[in-house]
Amino acid sequence: MPHFFFSCTSKEENGFRNIEDYYYPLSDLQDGKVYEYGPVHEEGDPPIYWYYRSVLKDGNAYLVGMSYNPAFNPDQFVREERVSNGMLLNDFYVYETDTEGKSQQIRADIVAANVFPFKVKPLGSVLLSSLHWRPLGDSSTITLVRNRQYDSDTTIVFEGKNVPAVKFNTRELVDQEEEGHLELEFGGTEVYAKRLGLVYFKKDVSGQRRIEYRLKAVYSMEAFEQKFKEKLELGDLEE
């Protein structure tokens, strides 16, 4: 199996700091792991599961991920590419159920592919992600725009240990266009921990409701299947 060798440093260069170590650790994900996120306050909110695996292909490193709904059916699929200054989104799919009850994969058009920066400085430049897709059997178009801006260093507690982390401010816009626009705009926060990746996120949806999740556990696939008695459908992750 090919191995990943990345040289990361936290030293500052021209006021910028390298935070690659705070994204999902590609060198630790070659066999794949399941990340379980649980709600912080709203106990009625369902858990979120993401399966991540790193892939080395033609000399390029990729992170592929699949999210699952509470019934352990695929919900989203992403493929990201590691480049010299960050992670770029190559593919994004959503899953919807058609009129026959079958799950269908819908590919999004990626307008701005930025996902995560490796070099940052406090309240520096804003990283833009933007994509859009058409829901099944619908004439509307959904556009998702997300801005990320590095804010500061912090610390989180995971499995009883203090882990260094970095905090980002986020701004998101969801626009559904069909003979007019239905827009939802909300601010939020993301926290990424060293050698873990995303460990916390919060979204204030139009000032009406807060969506807030925290990383609860990280499993090997074998440990996940033993605990939940479920086998996840991997689909494109196996390519």
Protein backbone atom coordinates (compact mmCIF):
# COMPACT_ATOMS: atom_id res chain seq x y z
CA MET A 1 0.00 0.00 0.00
CA PRO A 2 1.43 3.44 -0.89
CA HIS A 3 2.18 5.73 2.03
CA PHE A 4 1.81 9.45 2.56
CA PHE A 5 4.83 11.56 3.48
CA PHE A 6 4.06 15.21 4.18
CA SER A 7 6.40 17.75 5.70
CA CYS A 8 4.37 20.10 7.88
CA THR A 9 5.64 22.93 10.03
CA SER A 10 3.97 25.35 12.39
CA LYS A 11 6.63 28.02 11.88
CA GLU A 12 5.46 31.39 10.68
CA GLU A 13 6.53 32.65 7.27
CA ASN A 14 5.78 36.26 6.32
CA GLY A 15 3.18 36.32 9.08
CA PHE A 16 1.49 33.13 7.85
CA ARG A 17 1.34 29.92 9.83
CA ASN A 18 1.10 26.36 8.49
CA ILE A 19 -1.94 24.55 9.96
CA GLU A 20 -2.05 21.48 7.71
CA ASP A 21 -1.69 19.26 10.78
CA TYR A 22 -5.12 20.44 11.92
CA TYR A 23 -7.04 19.05 8.95
CA TYR A 24 -8.06 15.42 8.61
CA PRO A 25 -4.79 13.44 8.82
CA LEU A 26 -4.39 11.82 5.41
CA SER A 27 -1.49 9.65 6.58
CA ASP A 28 -3.72 8.11 9.28
CA LEU A 29 -6.75 7.49 7.07
CA GLN A 30 -5.44 5.04 4.49
CA ASP A 31 -7.60 2.25 5.95
CA GLY A 32 -10.55 4.58 6.55
CA LYS A 33 -12.21 5.76 9.77
CA VAL A 34 -15.72 6.72 10.83
CA TYR A 35 -16.25 10.07 12.57
CA GLU A 36 -19.35 10.29 14.77
CA TYR A 37 -20.67 13.79 15.51
CA GLY A 38 -23.30 14.31 18.20
CA PRO A 39 -25.54 17.32 18.96
CA VAL A 40 -24.31 19.61 21.74
CA HIS A 41 -27.60 20.91 23.12
CA GLU A 42 -30.53 19.72 21.00
CA GLU A 43 -30.77 16.08 22.05
CA GLY A 44 -33.49 15.53 19.47
CA ASP A 45 -31.08 16.28 16.62
CA PRO A 46 -29.79 13.08 14.97
CA PRO A 47 -26.13 12.03 15.04
CA ILE A 48 -24.00 12.59 11.94
CA TYR A 49 -21.60 9.96 10.61
CA TRP A 50 -18.78 10.56 8.15
CA TYR A 51 -16.52 7.86 6.74
CA TYR A 52 -13.18 9.24 5.53
CA ARG A 53 -10.41 7.52 3.62
CA SER A 54 -7.26 8.86 2.01
CA VAL A 55 -6.19 7.78 -1.47
CA LEU A 56 -2.89 8.20 -3.29
CA LYS A 57 -3.35 8.18 -7.07
CA ASP A 58 -0.90 9.18 -9.80
CA GLY A 59 1.25 10.91 -7.19
CA ASN A 60 -1.65 13.02 -5.89
CA ALA A 61 -3.24 12.71 -2.45
CA TYR A 62 -7.01 12.75 -2.03
CA LEU A 63 -9.47 12.64 0.84
CA VAL A 64 -12.75 10.92 0.02
CA GLY A 65 -15.68 11.03 2.40
CA MET A 66 -19.25 9.80 2.68
CA SER A 67 -21.80 11.07 5.19
CA TYR A 68 -24.69 8.93 6.38
CA ASN A 69 -28.12 9.69 7.78
CA PRO A 70 -29.40 8.10 11.03
CA ALA A 71 -30.55 5.04 9.04
CA PHE A 72 -26.94 4.66 7.80
CA ASN A 73 -27.86 5.43 4.20
CA PRO A 74 -25.52 7.64 2.11
CA ASP A 75 -26.32 11.33 2.33
CA GLN A 76 -23.36 13.17 0.74
CA PHE A 77 -20.14 12.25 -1.02
CA VAL A 78 -17.03 14.41 -1.36
CA ARG A 79 -13.63 14.03 -2.96
CA GLU A 80 -10.94 16.55 -2.04
CA GLU A 81 -7.44 16.95 -3.46
CA ARG A 82 -4.39 18.02 -1.48
CA VAL A 83 -2.46 20.80 -3.22
CA SER A 84 0.49 22.82 -1.98
CA ASN A 85 -1.54 25.46 -0.16
CA GLY A 86 -4.65 23.57 0.97
CA MET A 87 -7.48 21.19 0.10
CA LEU A 88 -9.61 21.60 -3.02
CA LEU A 89 -13.02 20.09 -3.71
CA ASN A 90 -12.97 17.81 -6.79
CA ASP A 91 -16.39 16.18 -6.46
CA PHE A 92 -19.55 16.76 -4.44
CA TYR A 93 -22.69 14.61 -4.62
CA VAL A 94 -25.95 14.63 -2.69
CA TYR A 95 -28.29 11.65 -2.41
CA GLU A 96 -32.06 11.91 -2.83
CA THR A 97 -34.86 9.37 -2.97
CA ASP A 98 -36.79 9.14 -6.24
CA THR A 99 -40.51 8.43 -6.69
CA GLU A 100 -39.81 4.68 -6.58
CA GLY A 101 -38.05 4.96 -3.25
CA LYS A 102 -34.58 4.40 -4.72
CA SER A 103 -31.58 6.48 -3.70
CA GLN A 104 -30.17 8.60 -6.53
CA GLN A 105 -26.85 10.41 -6.67
CA ILE A 106 -26.88 14.04 -7.86
CA ARG A 107 -23.63 15.68 -8.87
CA ALA A 108 -23.05 19.33 -7.99
CA ASP A 109 -21.29 21.86 -10.21
CA ILE A 110 -18.34 23.32 -8.34
CA VAL A 111 -17.82 27.05 -8.88
CA ALA A 112 -15.22 27.76 -6.18
CA ALA A 113 -13.38 24.67 -4.90
CA ASN A 114 -11.57 25.93 -1.79
CA VAL A 115 -12.08 23.79 1.32
CA PHE A 116 -9.26 24.32 3.82
CA PRO A 117 -6.16 26.55 3.78
CA PHE A 118 -2.76 25.35 4.99
CA LYS A 119 -1.27 28.82 5.53
CA VAL A 120 -3.20 31.38 7.57
CA LYS A 121 -2.92 34.42 9.77
CA PRO A 122 -5.53 35.74 12.23
CA LEU A 123 -8.49 37.36 10.46
CA GLY A 124 -6.66 37.24 7.16
CA SER A 125 -8.18 36.43 3.78
CA VAL A 126 -11.53 34.69 3.41
CA LEU A 127 -11.66 31.27 1.73
CA LEU A 128 -14.59 30.85 -0.67
CA SER A 129 -16.45 27.63 -1.53
CA SER A 130 -19.39 27.65 -3.93
CA LEU A 131 -21.43 24.96 -5.68
CA HIS A 132 -24.92 24.32 -7.05
CA TRP A 133 -27.14 21.40 -8.08
CA ARG A 134 -30.68 20.56 -9.22
CA PRO A 135 -32.82 18.40 -6.89
CA LEU A 136 -34.57 15.35 -8.37
CA GLY A 137 -37.72 16.10 -10.36
CA ASP A 138 -37.43 19.79 -9.52
CA SER A 139 -37.00 22.86 -11.69
CA SER A 140 -35.22 24.76 -8.93
CA THR A 141 -31.48 25.16 -8.41
CA ILE A 142 -29.82 25.07 -5.01
CA THR A 143 -26.66 27.12 -4.52
CA LEU A 144 -24.41 26.76 -1.50
CA VAL A 145 -21.82 29.45 -0.76
CA ARG A 146 -19.50 29.13 2.24
CA ASN A 147 -16.83 31.55 3.50
CA ARG A 148 -14.19 30.43 6.00
CA GLN A 149 -11.81 32.76 7.85
CA TYR A 150 -9.15 31.69 10.33
CA ASP A 151 -9.75 33.33 13.69
CA SER A 152 -7.43 32.05 16.42
CA ASP A 153 -5.82 29.14 18.23
CA THR A 154 -7.76 27.27 20.87
CA THR A 155 -7.85 23.95 22.74
CA ILE A 156 -10.50 21.24 22.84
CA VAL A 157 -10.97 18.19 25.02
CA PHE A 158 -11.32 14.90 23.15
CA GLU A 159 -11.38 11.54 24.89
CA GLY A 160 -10.23 13.19 28.09
CA LYS A 161 -7.17 14.87 26.56
CA ASN A 162 -6.48 18.53 25.77
CA VAL A 163 -5.78 18.84 22.05
CA PRO A 164 -4.45 21.96 20.27
CA ALA A 165 -6.97 23.33 17.78
CA VAL A 166 -7.71 26.22 15.42
CA LYS A 167 -10.94 28.17 15.16
CA PHE A 168 -12.59 29.45 11.97
CA ASN A 169 -15.43 31.90 11.51
CA THR A 170 -17.88 30.84 8.79
CA ARG A 171 -20.61 32.47 6.75
CA GLU A 172 -22.98 30.39 4.63
CA LEU A 173 -25.67 31.18 2.10
CA VAL A 174 -28.16 28.62 0.79
CA ASP A 175 -30.16 29.93 -2.16
CA GLN A 176 -33.02 27.98 -3.75
CA GLU A 177 -33.97 29.57 -7.06
CA GLU A 178 -37.30 28.85 -8.73
CA GLU A 179 -39.13 31.84 -10.16
CA GLY A 180 -37.52 33.88 -7.40
CA HIS A 181 -35.08 33.25 -4.59
CA LEU A 182 -35.49 31.64 -1.19
CA GLU A 183 -32.34 32.50 0.76
CA LEU A 184 -31.02 31.30 4.11
CA GLU A 185 -27.92 33.02 5.43
CA PHE A 186 -26.17 32.15 8.66
CA GLY A 187 -22.93 32.65 10.52
CA GLY A 188 -21.08 30.02 12.45
CA THR A 189 -17.92 28.56 13.90
CA GLU A 190 -15.70 25.59 13.05
CA VAL A 191 -12.92 24.10 15.18
CA TYR A 192 -10.25 21.78 13.77
CA ALA A 193 -8.01 19.81 16.14
CA LYS A 194 -4.47 18.62 15.54
CA ARG A 195 -4.29 15.16 13.95
CA LEU A 196 -8.09 14.88 14.02
CA GLY A 197 -9.72 17.39 11.67
CA LEU A 198 -13.14 18.94 12.25
CA VAL A 199 -14.16 18.45 15.90
CA TYR A 200 -16.86 21.11 16.39
CA PHE A 201 -19.19 23.24 14.30
CA LYS A 202 -22.01 25.66 15.01
CA LYS A 203 -24.47 27.34 12.64
CA ASP A 204 -26.95 30.03 13.61
CA VAL A 205 -29.70 29.58 11.03
CA SER A 206 -31.33 32.97 10.35
CA GLY A 207 -31.18 33.76 14.06
CA GLN A 208 -33.98 31.26 14.70
CA ARG A 209 -32.19 28.04 15.51
CA ARG A 210 -28.71 26.90 16.38
CA ILE A 211 -27.22 23.77 14.85
CA GLU A 212 -24.30 22.67 17.02
CA TYR A 213 -22.31 19.43 16.85
CA ARG A 214 -19.16 18.05 18.43
CA LEU A 215 -16.96 15.09 17.54
CA LYS A 216 -18.02 12.23 19.79
CA ALA A 217 -15.82 9.36 18.63
CA VAL A 218 -13.56 8.08 15.85
CA TYR A 219 -13.82 4.40 14.90
CA SER A 220 -12.09 1.98 12.62
CA MET A 221 -14.62 0.44 10.24
CA GLU A 222 -14.41 -2.84 12.16
CA ALA A 223 -15.07 -1.15 15.50
CA PHE A 224 -17.96 0.84 14.02
CA GLU A 225 -19.64 -2.25 12.59
CA GLN A 226 -19.24 -4.11 15.88
CA LYS A 227 -20.80 -1.27 17.88
CA PHE A 228 -23.68 -0.36 15.57
CA LYS A 229 -24.26 -3.76 13.92
CA GLU A 230 -24.35 -1.96 10.57
CA LYS A 231 -22.26 -2.23 7.41
CA LEU A 232 -21.86 1.07 5.63
CA GLU A 233 -22.39 1.33 1.89
CA LEU A 234 -19.15 2.74 0.51
CA GLY A 235 -20.01 3.23 -3.18
CA ASP A 236 -17.51 5.58 -4.84
CA LEU A 237 -15.24 5.38 -1.81
CA GLU A 238 -14.07 1.99 -3.03
CA GLU A 239 -12.86 3.34 -6.37
